[in-house]
Amino acid sequence: MKSFTGGVCIVFAASILGSIGCGAAEPDESVGKVTSALNISSWDDLVNNLGTTGTYTLTQDIVATGKTWLPKSFSGTFDGGNHTISGLSINNGSFFYSLDNAIVRNLKLTGVKITGSANKATFGGLASTATDSTIENCAIEVNINMTAVAAGGIVGAMYGGSIYRSYAKGSITGVISNAGGLVGYASEGSSARMVISESYGQMTVNPDTSNVNSYVRAGGLVGYAYAPDIHDAYAVGNVTGRGGAVGGIIGQADCVPNTADVFLLYKTIYRGDVIDKSRTSGRGWAGAVGTYAECDARFTQNFYDNQLDQSQDHAPRGVNGYSTDQLRSPTSVIGGVFCAQDVIPGRCGDNTWASPPWTAGTNQQHHVLLNMPGPNAQLR
């Protein structure tokens, strides 16, 4: 499994996604390499000065309503400076065409709309693809309506790298084979697995399931994942798919049995209703994962709201249902969540972070991340 950037489309394992062609808009490579740090303070700066590499800091909010944005491939550092870019409408593209060994942090995108049809390409609110890249402290509020092989609230297809202290809010619709609240399709990178931590998705994941012969993977955080590490994360919103690979956190998770690339899934919460259109009951798998390979995956402390999803079926062990009120805090479930130190080093007990990243808000709200760029998003 590998990816190529710079105008050549992604190649997935044929057994998972089939052949991938070039359907997305070509990236804008008119601005070349930049070695010095640059500040971005306006729309013109963003269009004219953002190169393919280098270090950039956003110093002002930017309103992009009515503007035309041509996505770029990027391998540098983009720091949003806790500012917001709002109102982007992109046809057959994402904010970044691809991220390759890049860092994107402290950035908020709001009012993003992604539309189009490129059935062999991938799309996300922040990037179409990301390889061995770091996404940190980013907030993406996006509505995606595409024909695509994979779509995610933050990244369409992600190979290695990490999403840390970030969230996506909005919806995913369209003819999409792999749809996830944060990532549509995830696999290992050049040297490490993909990691999602201290992040959440407040997404309605509802790809088209009208074709009774289709196989639509859908998850509140990730549609399809190979050997991921997902922890201290949650998803809110209904998830609909077809073919058994439909789950509150991950639609389908795989790994090779008896190898070191087992996937990890722990300390997660799902609040919503999972619906698998291929099941005669009309229900999906409650809780964390729709389907997973028979390997030594580590499941522990995965919880779901049994008032919103009343299905009695759940695929993996280590999945427990609780009431809405009991899931107010991601680390407080009936007296607290505890674990052995060898399972989650330094992250055991109840809110034992040096600086807890979550707040449960008022009684009308649910847990959100503290100190996010722009105003804190509140879950109702």
Protein backbone atom coordinates (compact mmCIF):
# COMPACT_ATOMS: atom_id res chain seq x y z
CA MET A 1 0.00 0.00 0.00
CA LYS A 2 1.51 3.29 -1.01
CA SER A 3 0.62 6.70 -2.27
CA PHE A 4 2.06 9.08 -4.79
CA THR A 5 1.57 12.83 -4.83
CA GLY A 6 2.18 15.72 -7.19
CA GLY A 7 -0.39 14.91 -9.86
CA VAL A 8 -0.18 11.11 -9.69
CA CYS A 9 -3.10 9.53 -7.95
CA ILE A 10 -3.17 7.19 -4.99
CA VAL A 11 -2.75 3.44 -5.34
CA PHE A 12 -4.49 1.31 -2.74
CA ALA A 13 -4.41 -2.43 -2.24
CA ALA A 14 -6.50 -3.87 -5.04
CA SER A 15 -8.28 -6.22 -2.67
CA ILE A 16 -9.63 -3.27 -0.71
CA LEU A 17 -10.32 -0.47 -3.16
CA GLY A 18 -9.51 -1.64 -6.67
CA SER A 19 -7.56 0.49 -9.08
CA ILE A 20 -7.41 4.21 -8.44
CA GLY A 21 -7.33 6.72 -11.25
CA CYS A 22 -6.75 10.45 -11.46
CA GLY A 23 -10.10 12.13 -10.95
CA ALA A 24 -9.24 15.06 -8.68
CA ALA A 25 -8.22 18.53 -9.73
CA GLU A 26 -4.51 18.92 -10.35
CA PRO A 27 -2.63 20.75 -7.58
CA ASP A 28 -1.33 24.25 -8.07
CA GLU A 29 2.45 23.98 -8.29
CA SER A 30 3.01 27.53 -9.59
CA VAL A 31 4.65 28.56 -6.31
CA GLY A 32 7.83 26.58 -5.79
CA LYS A 33 9.97 25.81 -2.79
CA VAL A 34 10.25 28.43 -0.06
CA THR A 35 12.98 28.05 2.52
CA SER A 36 12.31 31.05 4.78
CA ALA A 37 9.33 31.48 7.12
CA LEU A 38 6.50 33.57 5.72
CA ASN A 39 3.42 35.17 7.25
CA ILE A 40 0.06 34.83 5.51
CA SER A 41 -2.29 37.73 6.32
CA SER A 42 -4.75 37.90 3.40
CA TRP A 43 -6.41 35.89 0.67
CA ASP A 44 -3.90 37.18 -1.87
CA ASP A 45 -1.05 36.05 0.38
CA LEU A 46 -2.61 32.61 0.65
CA VAL A 47 -3.03 32.27 -3.11
CA ASN A 48 0.24 33.83 -4.22
CA ASN A 49 2.73 33.02 -1.47
CA LEU A 50 1.83 29.57 -0.14
CA GLY A 51 4.36 27.26 -1.75
CA THR A 52 4.82 23.52 -1.87
CA THR A 53 7.23 23.50 1.09
CA GLY A 54 8.59 25.94 3.66
CA THR A 55 7.14 27.38 6.87
CA TYR A 56 4.04 29.57 6.94
CA THR A 57 2.02 31.20 9.71
CA LEU A 58 -1.50 32.58 9.30
CA THR A 59 -1.68 35.95 11.09
CA GLN A 60 -5.26 36.99 10.29
CA ASP A 61 -8.64 35.35 9.77
CA ILE A 62 -9.45 35.01 6.06
CA VAL A 63 -12.91 35.05 4.50
CA ALA A 64 -12.84 32.93 1.33
CA THR A 65 -16.53 33.17 0.37
CA GLY A 66 -16.89 33.53 -3.38
CA LYS A 67 -13.17 32.89 -4.00
CA THR A 68 -11.65 30.19 -6.18
CA TRP A 69 -9.12 27.94 -4.49
CA LEU A 70 -6.82 25.58 -6.35
CA PRO A 71 -5.40 22.96 -3.92
CA LYS A 72 -1.64 22.50 -3.55
CA SER A 73 0.61 19.59 -2.68
CA PHE A 74 2.50 20.51 0.47
CA SER A 75 5.47 19.15 2.43
CA GLY A 76 6.27 22.02 4.80
CA THR A 77 4.78 23.48 7.99
CA PHE A 78 1.54 25.44 7.96
CA ASP A 79 0.65 27.06 11.30
CA GLY A 80 -2.81 28.58 11.41
CA GLY A 81 -1.86 30.79 14.33
CA ASN A 82 -5.26 29.92 15.88
CA HIS A 83 -6.95 31.77 13.05
CA THR A 84 -9.85 30.78 10.79
CA ILE A 85 -10.29 30.44 7.04
CA SER A 86 -14.02 30.51 6.33
CA GLY A 87 -16.34 29.95 3.42
CA LEU A 88 -14.23 27.79 1.09
CA SER A 89 -16.16 26.07 -1.69
CA ILE A 90 -14.04 23.54 -3.58
CA ASN A 91 -15.01 21.44 -6.57
CA ASN A 92 -13.16 18.13 -6.95
CA GLY A 93 -10.52 19.04 -4.37
CA SER A 94 -9.59 19.72 -0.75
CA PHE A 95 -7.74 22.58 0.94
CA PHE A 96 -4.50 20.64 0.34
CA TYR A 97 -4.24 18.25 -2.58
CA SER A 98 -1.72 16.20 -0.60
CA LEU A 99 0.38 16.41 2.54
CA ASP A 100 3.74 14.60 2.47
CA ASN A 101 5.84 14.69 5.66
CA ALA A 102 4.02 17.93 6.43
CA ILE A 103 2.86 19.61 9.64
CA VAL A 104 -0.46 21.46 9.83
CA ARG A 105 -1.43 22.90 13.21
CA ASN A 106 -3.52 25.53 14.99
CA LEU A 107 -5.85 25.98 12.01
CA LYS A 108 -9.63 26.27 11.81
CA LEU A 109 -11.58 25.88 8.57
CA THR A 110 -15.30 26.71 8.71
CA GLY A 111 -18.10 26.63 6.17
CA VAL A 112 -16.13 24.38 3.83
CA LYS A 113 -18.15 22.80 1.00
CA ILE A 114 -16.63 20.07 -1.15
CA THR A 115 -18.54 18.81 -4.17
CA GLY A 116 -17.88 17.05 -7.43
CA SER A 117 -17.38 13.66 -9.00
CA ALA A 118 -14.05 11.87 -9.21
CA ASN A 119 -14.88 8.27 -8.46
CA LYS A 120 -11.28 7.08 -8.26
CA ALA A 121 -9.97 9.90 -6.06
CA THR A 122 -10.14 10.82 -2.36
CA PHE A 123 -11.24 13.99 -0.58
CA GLY A 124 -11.13 15.53 2.89
CA GLY A 125 -11.91 18.85 4.52
CA LEU A 126 -8.21 19.56 5.05
CA ALA A 127 -6.41 17.25 2.61
CA SER A 128 -7.23 14.71 -0.07
CA THR A 129 -4.28 12.55 1.06
CA ALA A 130 -1.75 12.72 3.89
CA THR A 131 1.42 10.64 4.10
CA ASP A 132 3.59 10.55 7.25
CA SER A 133 2.19 13.95 8.23
CA THR A 134 1.14 15.57 11.51
CA ILE A 135 -2.22 17.30 11.94
CA GLU A 136 -2.48 18.96 15.33
CA ASN A 137 -4.93 21.32 17.00
CA CYS A 138 -7.04 21.68 13.87
CA ALA A 139 -10.79 22.24 13.60
CA ILE A 140 -12.51 21.40 10.31
CA GLU A 141 -16.19 22.21 9.76
CA VAL A 142 -17.16 20.78 6.39
CA ASN A 143 -19.95 19.35 4.27
CA ILE A 144 -18.79 16.85 1.64
CA ASN A 145 -21.04 15.66 -1.18
CA MET A 146 -18.91 13.69 -3.63
CA THR A 147 -18.60 10.69 -5.84
CA ALA A 148 -15.28 9.30 -4.61
CA VAL A 149 -13.44 6.21 -3.46
CA ALA A 150 -12.84 7.71 0.01
CA ALA A 151 -13.84 10.83 1.93
CA GLY A 152 -13.14 12.05 5.47
CA GLY A 153 -13.93 15.13 7.48
CA ILE A 154 -10.22 15.91 7.79
CA VAL A 155 -8.37 13.61 5.33
CA GLY A 156 -9.63 11.42 2.50
CA ALA A 157 -6.80 8.84 2.62
CA MET A 158 -4.12 8.83 5.32
CA TYR A 159 -0.90 6.79 5.35
CA GLY A 160 0.87 6.85 8.71
CA GLY A 161 1.18 10.16 10.51
CA SER A 162 -1.15 11.45 13.21
CA ILE A 163 -4.25 13.46 13.97
CA TYR A 164 -3.92 14.93 17.45
CA ARG A 165 -6.25 17.25 19.38
CA SER A 166 -8.41 17.92 16.33
CA TYR A 167 -12.04 17.62 15.32
CA ALA A 168 -14.35 17.62 12.31
CA LYS A 169 -17.99 18.73 12.28
CA GLY A 170 -20.47 18.44 9.43
CA SER A 171 -21.64 15.74 7.03
CA ILE A 172 -20.48 13.30 4.36
CA THR A 173 -22.84 12.25 1.58
CA GLY A 174 -22.53 10.99 -1.99
CA VAL A 175 -21.41 7.81 -3.71
CA ILE A 176 -18.39 7.00 -1.55
CA SER A 177 -16.84 3.59 -0.91
CA ASN A 178 -15.01 4.52 2.31
CA ALA A 179 -16.44 7.32 4.46
CA GLY A 180 -15.22 8.42 7.90
CA GLY A 181 -15.90 11.35 10.20
CA LEU A 182 -12.17 12.15 10.30
CA VAL A 183 -10.54 9.85 7.71
CA GLY A 184 -12.05 7.85 4.86
CA TYR A 185 -9.23 5.33 4.34
CA ALA A 186 -6.21 4.82 6.63
CA SER A 187 -3.14 2.62 6.42
CA GLU A 188 0.44 2.45 7.65
CA GLY A 189 3.01 4.98 6.49
CA SER A 190 6.65 4.46 5.60
CA SER A 191 7.67 3.61 9.16
CA ALA A 192 4.68 3.78 11.52
CA ARG A 193 0.96 3.23 11.84
CA MET A 194 -1.63 5.97 11.60
CA VAL A 195 -2.55 7.45 15.00
CA ILE A 196 -5.66 9.37 16.05
CA SER A 197 -5.73 10.65 19.63
CA GLU A 198 -7.54 13.24 21.74
CA SER A 199 -9.79 14.01 18.78
CA TYR A 200 -13.44 13.72 17.84
CA GLY A 201 -15.87 13.76 14.95
CA GLN A 202 -19.31 15.34 15.13
CA MET A 203 -20.28 14.15 11.69
CA THR A 204 -23.30 12.64 9.99
CA VAL A 205 -21.71 9.93 7.84
CA ASN A 206 -24.32 9.00 5.28
CA PRO A 207 -22.86 7.81 1.94
CA ASP A 208 -25.21 6.53 -0.74
CA THR A 209 -26.30 2.95 0.01
CA SER A 210 -29.07 2.67 -2.59
CA ASN A 211 -27.12 0.12 -4.68
CA VAL A 212 -27.95 -3.18 -3.01
CA ASN A 213 -24.79 -4.73 -4.49
CA SER A 214 -22.47 -2.05 -3.13
CA TYR A 215 -20.05 -2.42 -0.23
CA VAL A 216 -19.91 0.86 1.64
CA ARG A 217 -17.53 1.14 4.60
CA ALA A 218 -18.53 3.86 7.04
CA GLY A 219 -17.32 4.90 10.50
CA GLY A 220 -17.79 7.79 12.89
CA LEU A 221 -14.02 8.41 12.79
CA VAL A 222 -12.58 6.15 10.04
CA GLY A 223 -14.26 4.25 7.21
CA TYR A 224 -11.52 1.66 6.60
CA ALA A 225 -8.35 1.33 8.68
CA TYR A 226 -5.36 -0.98 8.37
CA ALA A 227 -3.41 -1.41 11.65
CA PRO A 228 -4.38 1.95 13.19
CA ASP A 229 -3.84 3.25 16.72
CA ILE A 230 -6.98 5.13 17.82
CA HIS A 231 -7.46 6.17 21.42
CA ASP A 232 -8.88 8.91 23.65
CA ALA A 233 -11.27 9.79 20.85
CA TYR A 234 -15.00 9.85 20.22
CA ALA A 235 -17.64 10.26 17.54
CA VAL A 236 -21.08 11.86 17.63
CA GLY A 237 -23.63 11.42 14.85
CA ASN A 238 -25.42 8.70 12.92
CA VAL A 239 -23.37 6.40 10.66
CA THR A 240 -24.93 4.60 7.69
CA GLY A 241 -23.27 2.08 5.37
CA ARG A 242 -23.75 -1.28 3.67
CA GLY A 243 -22.11 -4.68 3.73
CA GLY A 244 -21.22 -5.21 7.41
CA ALA A 245 -18.37 -2.70 7.56
CA VAL A 246 -20.28 -0.05 9.48
CA GLY A 247 -19.25 1.06 12.99
CA GLY A 248 -19.50 3.95 15.40
CA ILE A 249 -15.72 4.50 15.42
CA ILE A 250 -14.33 2.39 12.51
CA GLY A 251 -16.27 0.75 9.71
CA GLN A 252 -13.68 -1.94 9.01
CA ALA A 253 -10.30 -2.56 10.67
CA ASP A 254 -7.74 -5.04 9.37
CA CYS A 255 -4.28 -6.34 10.15
CA VAL A 256 -2.20 -9.39 9.36
CA PRO A 257 -2.66 -12.15 11.97
CA ASN A 258 0.27 -12.99 14.21
CA THR A 259 2.34 -9.97 13.23
CA ALA A 260 3.40 -6.80 14.96
CA ASP A 261 1.04 -4.59 12.95
CA VAL A 262 -2.05 -5.35 15.06
CA PHE A 263 -4.46 -2.47 15.40
CA LEU A 264 -5.23 -0.71 18.68
CA LEU A 265 -8.57 0.75 19.71
CA TYR A 266 -9.10 1.95 23.26
CA LYS A 267 -10.75 4.68 25.31
CA THR A 268 -13.33 5.62 22.71
CA ILE A 269 -16.95 6.74 22.90
CA TYR A 270 -19.61 6.60 20.20
CA ARG A 271 -22.85 8.55 20.53
CA GLY A 272 -25.20 7.93 17.63
CA ASP A 273 -27.01 5.20 15.72
CA VAL A 274 -25.20 2.76 13.41
CA ILE A 275 -27.27 1.56 10.46
CA ASP A 276 -26.16 -1.16 8.04
CA LYS A 277 -28.51 -1.20 5.07
CA SER A 278 -27.58 -4.78 4.21
CA ARG A 279 -28.84 -6.18 7.49
CA THR A 280 -32.40 -7.42 7.52
CA SER A 281 -32.97 -5.84 10.92
CA GLY A 282 -31.96 -2.46 9.53
CA ARG A 283 -29.47 -2.09 12.37
CA GLY A 284 -25.71 -2.00 12.36
CA TRP A 285 -23.06 -2.98 14.86
CA ALA A 286 -23.40 -1.02 18.07
CA GLY A 287 -20.22 0.48 19.44
CA ALA A 288 -16.75 0.62 18.01
CA VAL A 289 -16.13 -1.46 14.86
CA GLY A 290 -18.29 -2.89 12.11
CA THR A 291 -15.97 -5.73 11.17
CA TYR A 292 -12.35 -6.60 11.87
CA ALA A 293 -9.77 -9.20 10.90
CA GLU A 294 -9.10 -12.19 13.13
CA CYS A 295 -5.88 -10.95 14.68
CA ASP A 296 -4.71 -9.93 18.12
CA ALA A 297 -6.27 -6.49 18.03
CA ARG A 298 -6.31 -4.69 21.37
CA PHE A 299 -9.78 -3.53 22.36
CA THR A 300 -10.38 -1.97 25.75
CA GLN A 301 -12.64 0.71 27.17
CA ASN A 302 -14.75 1.35 24.10
CA PHE A 303 -18.18 2.67 24.98
CA TYR A 304 -21.37 3.56 23.13
CA ASP A 305 -24.65 5.31 23.94
CA ASN A 306 -27.25 2.55 24.27
CA GLN A 307 -30.08 5.08 24.28
CA LEU A 308 -29.19 6.34 20.81
CA ASP A 309 -28.15 2.94 19.42
CA GLN A 310 -30.29 0.16 20.85
CA SER A 311 -28.78 -2.66 18.85
CA GLN A 312 -27.64 -5.58 20.96
CA ASP A 313 -24.98 -6.59 18.45
CA HIS A 314 -21.38 -5.46 18.60
CA ALA A 315 -18.45 -7.08 16.85
CA PRO A 316 -15.40 -6.70 19.10
CA ARG A 317 -14.90 -7.44 22.74
CA GLY A 318 -14.29 -4.53 25.08
CA VAL A 319 -17.40 -2.63 23.96
CA ASN A 320 -19.92 -1.53 26.55
CA GLY A 321 -23.15 0.42 26.34
CA TYR A 322 -24.06 3.22 28.76
CA SER A 323 -26.68 5.94 28.96
CA THR A 324 -26.26 9.42 27.50
CA ASP A 325 -25.74 10.95 30.95
CA GLN A 326 -23.08 8.40 31.81
CA LEU A 327 -21.08 9.43 28.74
CA ARG A 328 -20.78 13.11 29.60
CA SER A 329 -17.00 12.95 29.95
CA PRO A 330 -14.67 10.79 27.84
CA THR A 331 -12.78 9.70 30.94
CA SER A 332 -15.70 9.33 33.37
CA VAL A 333 -17.83 6.25 32.82
CA ILE A 334 -19.38 4.89 36.02
CA GLY A 335 -16.71 5.94 38.49
CA GLY A 336 -13.96 6.55 36.00
CA VAL A 337 -11.99 4.70 33.35
CA PHE A 338 -8.92 2.84 34.52
CA CYS A 339 -6.34 0.72 32.76
CA ALA A 340 -3.07 -1.06 33.30
CA GLN A 341 0.02 1.09 32.77
CA ASP A 342 1.36 -1.31 30.17
CA VAL A 343 -1.74 -0.77 28.03
CA ILE A 344 -1.84 3.02 27.95
CA PRO A 345 1.32 4.39 29.57
CA GLY A 346 0.76 7.68 31.34
CA ARG A 347 -2.90 7.85 30.42
CA CYS A 348 -4.58 5.76 33.10
CA GLY A 349 -7.08 6.73 35.75
CA ASP A 350 -9.71 9.41 35.53
CA ASN A 351 -8.58 12.71 33.97
CA THR A 352 -4.96 12.15 34.99
CA TRP A 353 -3.46 14.22 32.18
CA ALA A 354 -1.08 16.91 33.42
CA SER A 355 -3.51 19.35 31.77
CA PRO A 356 -6.81 17.61 30.96
CA PRO A 357 -7.68 18.24 27.29
CA TRP A 358 -11.45 17.84 27.66
CA THR A 359 -14.30 19.74 29.23
CA ALA A 360 -17.79 18.31 29.63
CA GLY A 361 -19.34 21.79 29.54
CA THR A 362 -22.81 22.39 30.95
CA ASN A 363 -25.55 19.83 31.35
CA GLN A 364 -26.73 20.68 27.82
CA GLN A 365 -23.34 20.02 26.28
CA HIS A 366 -20.98 17.13 25.85
CA HIS A 367 -17.23 16.93 25.99
CA VAL A 368 -15.16 19.23 23.79
CA LEU A 369 -11.47 19.91 23.44
CA LEU A 370 -10.05 22.85 25.32
CA ASN A 371 -7.98 25.62 23.71
CA MET A 372 -8.91 24.89 20.11
CA PRO A 373 -8.32 27.51 17.37
CA GLY A 374 -11.18 29.95 17.03
CA PRO A 375 -14.13 29.84 19.47
CA ASN A 376 -14.52 26.48 21.19
CA ALA A 377 -17.15 24.35 19.44
CA GLN A 378 -19.85 23.17 21.82
CA LEU A 379 -21.65 19.88 21.35
CA ARG A 380 -25.37 20.09 22.03
